[in-house]
Amino acid sequence: HERMNRLRKGTMHNDLNDNNIIVVPPKESSTPSPYTSPLSAIFQNASDPENECKIAAAIDFGDMVYTAVVNNVAITLSYLMLEKDNPLEVAAQFMEEYSRHNPLMEEEVDVLMPLA
């Protein structure tokens, strides 16, 4: 409990999953994205900014709550890893991209996987 109290807090969506995001396909794509998972599609071409999917919007704010930032990340990771043959590889790819934009503090990294 004390450990969680030291983490960054904020108002979090708390339910980012494939049903709650709208994804814009790559600019150069003239056909619909072949990916079945919008979250996976975002990170598929993340190293190529001209050819990556982007999140256009998040919807469904029914689970929004003031909580630790890492909780939001853990929930997203849980959805991403669900029913994957290589869940830790998927988690590592997500965290690599997430960390480029919003690095977690050491204390947050320590509690991330137990939360996911």
C-alpha atoms as a PDB file:
ATOM      1  CA  HIS A   1       0.000   0.000   0.000  1.00  0.00           C
ATOM      2  CA  GLU A   2       2.766   2.435   0.971  1.00  0.00           C
ATOM      3  CA  ARG A   3       4.608   1.618  -2.249  1.00  0.00           C
ATOM      4  CA  MET A   4       1.569   2.481  -4.373  1.00  0.00           C
ATOM      5  CA  ASN A   5       1.142   5.799  -2.554  1.00  0.00           C
ATOM      6  CA  ARG A   6       4.571   6.938  -3.843  1.00  0.00           C
ATOM      7  CA  LEU A   7       3.632   6.448  -7.526  1.00  0.00           C
ATOM      8  CA  ARG A   8       2.550   9.210  -9.913  1.00  0.00           C
ATOM      9  CA  LYS A   9      -1.204   9.680  -9.994  1.00  0.00           C
ATOM     10  CA  GLY A  10      -3.603  11.128 -12.507  1.00  0.00           C
ATOM     11  CA  THR A  11      -7.008  10.759 -14.087  1.00  0.00           C
ATOM     12  CA  MET A  12      -6.711   7.609 -16.199  1.00  0.00           C
ATOM     13  CA  HIS A  13      -8.943   6.104 -18.891  1.00  0.00           C
ATOM     14  CA  ASN A  14      -8.376   2.746 -17.161  1.00  0.00           C
ATOM     15  CA  ASP A  15      -9.802   0.590 -19.984  1.00  0.00           C
ATOM     16  CA  LEU A  16      -7.759   1.099 -23.164  1.00  0.00           C
ATOM     17  CA  ASN A  17      -8.444  -1.933 -25.308  1.00  0.00           C
ATOM     18  CA  ASP A  18      -9.335  -2.731 -28.911  1.00  0.00           C
ATOM     19  CA  ASN A  19     -12.977  -1.824 -28.353  1.00  0.00           C
ATOM     20  CA  ASN A  20     -12.199   1.586 -26.880  1.00  0.00           C
ATOM     21  CA  ILE A  21      -9.829   3.142 -29.413  1.00  0.00           C
ATOM     22  CA  ILE A  22     -10.234   4.415 -32.939  1.00  0.00           C
ATOM     23  CA  VAL A  23      -7.160   3.820 -35.109  1.00  0.00           C
ATOM     24  CA  VAL A  24      -6.179   5.681 -38.282  1.00  0.00           C
ATOM     25  CA  PRO A  25      -4.364   3.397 -40.759  1.00  0.00           C
ATOM     26  CA  PRO A  26      -1.012   4.379 -42.304  1.00  0.00           C
ATOM     27  CA  LYS A  27      -1.171   7.235 -44.819  1.00  0.00           C
ATOM     28  CA  GLU A  28       0.215   5.117 -47.621  1.00  0.00           C
ATOM     29  CA  SER A  29      -2.271   2.316 -47.062  1.00  0.00           C
ATOM     30  CA  SER A  30      -5.018   2.231 -49.680  1.00  0.00           C
ATOM     31  CA  THR A  31      -6.557  -0.913 -48.234  1.00  0.00           C
ATOM     32  CA  PRO A  32      -8.007  -1.563 -44.785  1.00  0.00           C
ATOM     33  CA  SER A  33      -5.508  -2.646 -42.161  1.00  0.00           C
ATOM     34  CA  PRO A  34      -5.028  -6.434 -42.125  1.00  0.00           C
ATOM     35  CA  TYR A  35      -4.599  -6.422 -38.357  1.00  0.00           C
ATOM     36  CA  THR A  36      -7.353  -7.818 -36.208  1.00  0.00           C
ATOM     37  CA  SER A  37      -6.222  -5.852 -33.167  1.00  0.00           C
ATOM     38  CA  PRO A  38      -6.088  -2.042 -33.346  1.00  0.00           C
ATOM     39  CA  LEU A  39      -3.691  -1.912 -30.391  1.00  0.00           C
ATOM     40  CA  SER A  40      -1.343  -4.367 -32.090  1.00  0.00           C
ATOM     41  CA  ALA A  41      -1.579  -2.444 -35.357  1.00  0.00           C
ATOM     42  CA  ILE A  42      -0.325   0.717 -33.677  1.00  0.00           C
ATOM     43  CA  PHE A  43       2.939  -0.913 -32.679  1.00  0.00           C
ATOM     44  CA  GLN A  44       3.437  -3.025 -35.809  1.00  0.00           C
ATOM     45  CA  ASN A  45       5.235  -0.249 -37.722  1.00  0.00           C
ATOM     46  CA  ALA A  46       6.143   2.033 -34.831  1.00  0.00           C
ATOM     47  CA  SER A  47       9.735   2.389 -36.001  1.00  0.00           C
ATOM     48  CA  ASP A  48       8.507   3.849 -39.304  1.00  0.00           C
ATOM     49  CA  PRO A  49       6.574   7.053 -38.448  1.00  0.00           C
ATOM     50  CA  GLU A  50       5.395   7.499 -42.046  1.00  0.00           C
ATOM     51  CA  ASN A  51       3.836   4.047 -42.138  1.00  0.00           C
ATOM     52  CA  GLU A  52       2.437   3.525 -38.644  1.00  0.00           C
ATOM     53  CA  CYS A  53      -1.126   3.455 -37.409  1.00  0.00           C
ATOM     54  CA  LYS A  54      -2.104   6.227 -35.016  1.00  0.00           C
ATOM     55  CA  ILE A  55      -4.674   6.433 -32.264  1.00  0.00           C
ATOM     56  CA  ALA A  56      -7.265   8.970 -33.404  1.00  0.00           C
ATOM     57  CA  ALA A  57      -9.442   8.791 -30.299  1.00  0.00           C
ATOM     58  CA  ALA A  58     -10.218   6.920 -27.124  1.00  0.00           C
ATOM     59  CA  ILE A  59     -13.853   6.245 -26.339  1.00  0.00           C
ATOM     60  CA  ASP A  60     -15.862   4.795 -23.434  1.00  0.00           C
ATOM     61  CA  PHE A  61     -14.858   6.740 -20.362  1.00  0.00           C
ATOM     62  CA  GLY A  62     -16.992   4.698 -17.950  1.00  0.00           C
ATOM     63  CA  ASP A  63     -13.958   3.290 -16.133  1.00  0.00           C
ATOM     64  CA  MET A  64     -12.100   6.600 -15.815  1.00  0.00           C
ATOM     65  CA  VAL A  65     -10.671   7.082 -12.346  1.00  0.00           C
ATOM     66  CA  TYR A  66      -7.986   8.991 -10.439  1.00  0.00           C
ATOM     67  CA  THR A  67      -5.287   6.375  -9.832  1.00  0.00           C
ATOM     68  CA  ALA A  68      -1.634   5.529 -10.299  1.00  0.00           C
ATOM     69  CA  VAL A  69      -0.443   6.086 -13.882  1.00  0.00           C
ATOM     70  CA  VAL A  70       1.054   2.595 -13.948  1.00  0.00           C
ATOM     71  CA  ASN A  71      -2.415   1.071 -13.470  1.00  0.00           C
ATOM     72  CA  ASN A  72      -3.496   2.421 -16.846  1.00  0.00           C
ATOM     73  CA  VAL A  73      -0.376   0.935 -18.455  1.00  0.00           C
ATOM     74  CA  ALA A  74      -0.935  -2.421 -16.737  1.00  0.00           C
ATOM     75  CA  ILE A  75      -4.535  -2.630 -17.937  1.00  0.00           C
ATOM     76  CA  THR A  76      -3.494  -1.878 -21.514  1.00  0.00           C
ATOM     77  CA  LEU A  77      -0.742  -4.495 -21.270  1.00  0.00           C
ATOM     78  CA  SER A  78      -3.221  -7.059 -19.974  1.00  0.00           C
ATOM     79  CA  TYR A  79      -5.427  -6.572 -23.009  1.00  0.00           C
ATOM     80  CA  LEU A  80      -2.450  -6.674 -25.382  1.00  0.00           C
ATOM     81  CA  MET A  81      -1.089  -9.917 -23.924  1.00  0.00           C
ATOM     82  CA  LEU A  82      -4.466 -11.662 -23.807  1.00  0.00           C
ATOM     83  CA  GLU A  83      -4.496 -14.893 -25.835  1.00  0.00           C
ATOM     84  CA  LYS A  84      -1.086 -14.183 -27.410  1.00  0.00           C
ATOM     85  CA  ASP A  85       1.436 -16.946 -28.107  1.00  0.00           C
ATOM     86  CA  ASN A  86       4.228 -14.573 -27.052  1.00  0.00           C
ATOM     87  CA  PRO A  87       2.717 -12.286 -24.379  1.00  0.00           C
ATOM     88  CA  LEU A  88       6.025 -11.074 -22.928  1.00  0.00           C
ATOM     89  CA  GLU A  89       7.336 -10.171 -26.380  1.00  0.00           C
ATOM     90  CA  VAL A  90       4.147  -8.190 -27.007  1.00  0.00           C
ATOM     91  CA  ALA A  91       4.543  -6.475 -23.625  1.00  0.00           C
ATOM     92  CA  ALA A  92       8.180  -5.608 -24.337  1.00  0.00           C
ATOM     93  CA  GLN A  93       7.302  -4.109 -27.727  1.00  0.00           C
ATOM     94  CA  PHE A  94       4.514  -2.016 -26.194  1.00  0.00           C
ATOM     95  CA  MET A  95       6.712  -0.808 -23.341  1.00  0.00           C
ATOM     96  CA  GLU A  96       9.514   0.148 -25.729  1.00  0.00           C
ATOM     97  CA  GLU A  97       7.155   2.428 -27.642  1.00  0.00           C
ATOM     98  CA  TYR A  98       5.297   3.678 -24.568  1.00  0.00           C
ATOM     99  CA  SER A  99       8.587   4.582 -22.891  1.00  0.00           C
ATOM    100  CA  ARG A 100       9.656   6.694 -25.857  1.00  0.00           C
ATOM    101  CA  HIS A 101       6.729   9.012 -25.122  1.00  0.00           C
ATOM    102  CA  ASN A 102       6.108   8.628 -21.399  1.00  0.00           C
ATOM    103  CA  PRO A 103       8.854   6.758 -19.509  1.00  0.00           C
ATOM    104  CA  LEU A 104       7.827   5.056 -16.297  1.00  0.00           C
ATOM    105  CA  MET A 105       9.659   5.799 -13.069  1.00  0.00           C
ATOM    106  CA  GLU A 106      11.734   2.977 -11.560  1.00  0.00           C
ATOM    107  CA  GLU A 107       9.104   2.443  -8.856  1.00  0.00           C
ATOM    108  CA  GLU A 108       6.412   2.100 -11.527  1.00  0.00           C
ATOM    109  CA  VAL A 109       8.430  -0.434 -13.508  1.00  0.00           C
ATOM    110  CA  ASP A 110       8.837  -2.487 -10.328  1.00  0.00           C
ATOM    111  CA  VAL A 111       5.083  -2.901  -9.863  1.00  0.00           C
ATOM    112  CA  LEU A 112       4.024  -3.049 -13.528  1.00  0.00           C
ATOM    113  CA  MET A 113       4.066  -6.784 -14.275  1.00  0.00           C
ATOM    114  CA  PRO A 114       2.405  -7.868 -11.020  1.00  0.00           C
ATOM    115  CA  LEU A 115      -0.408  -5.438 -11.884  1.00  0.00           C
ATOM    116  CA  ALA A 116      -0.688  -6.648 -15.488  1.00  0.00           C
END
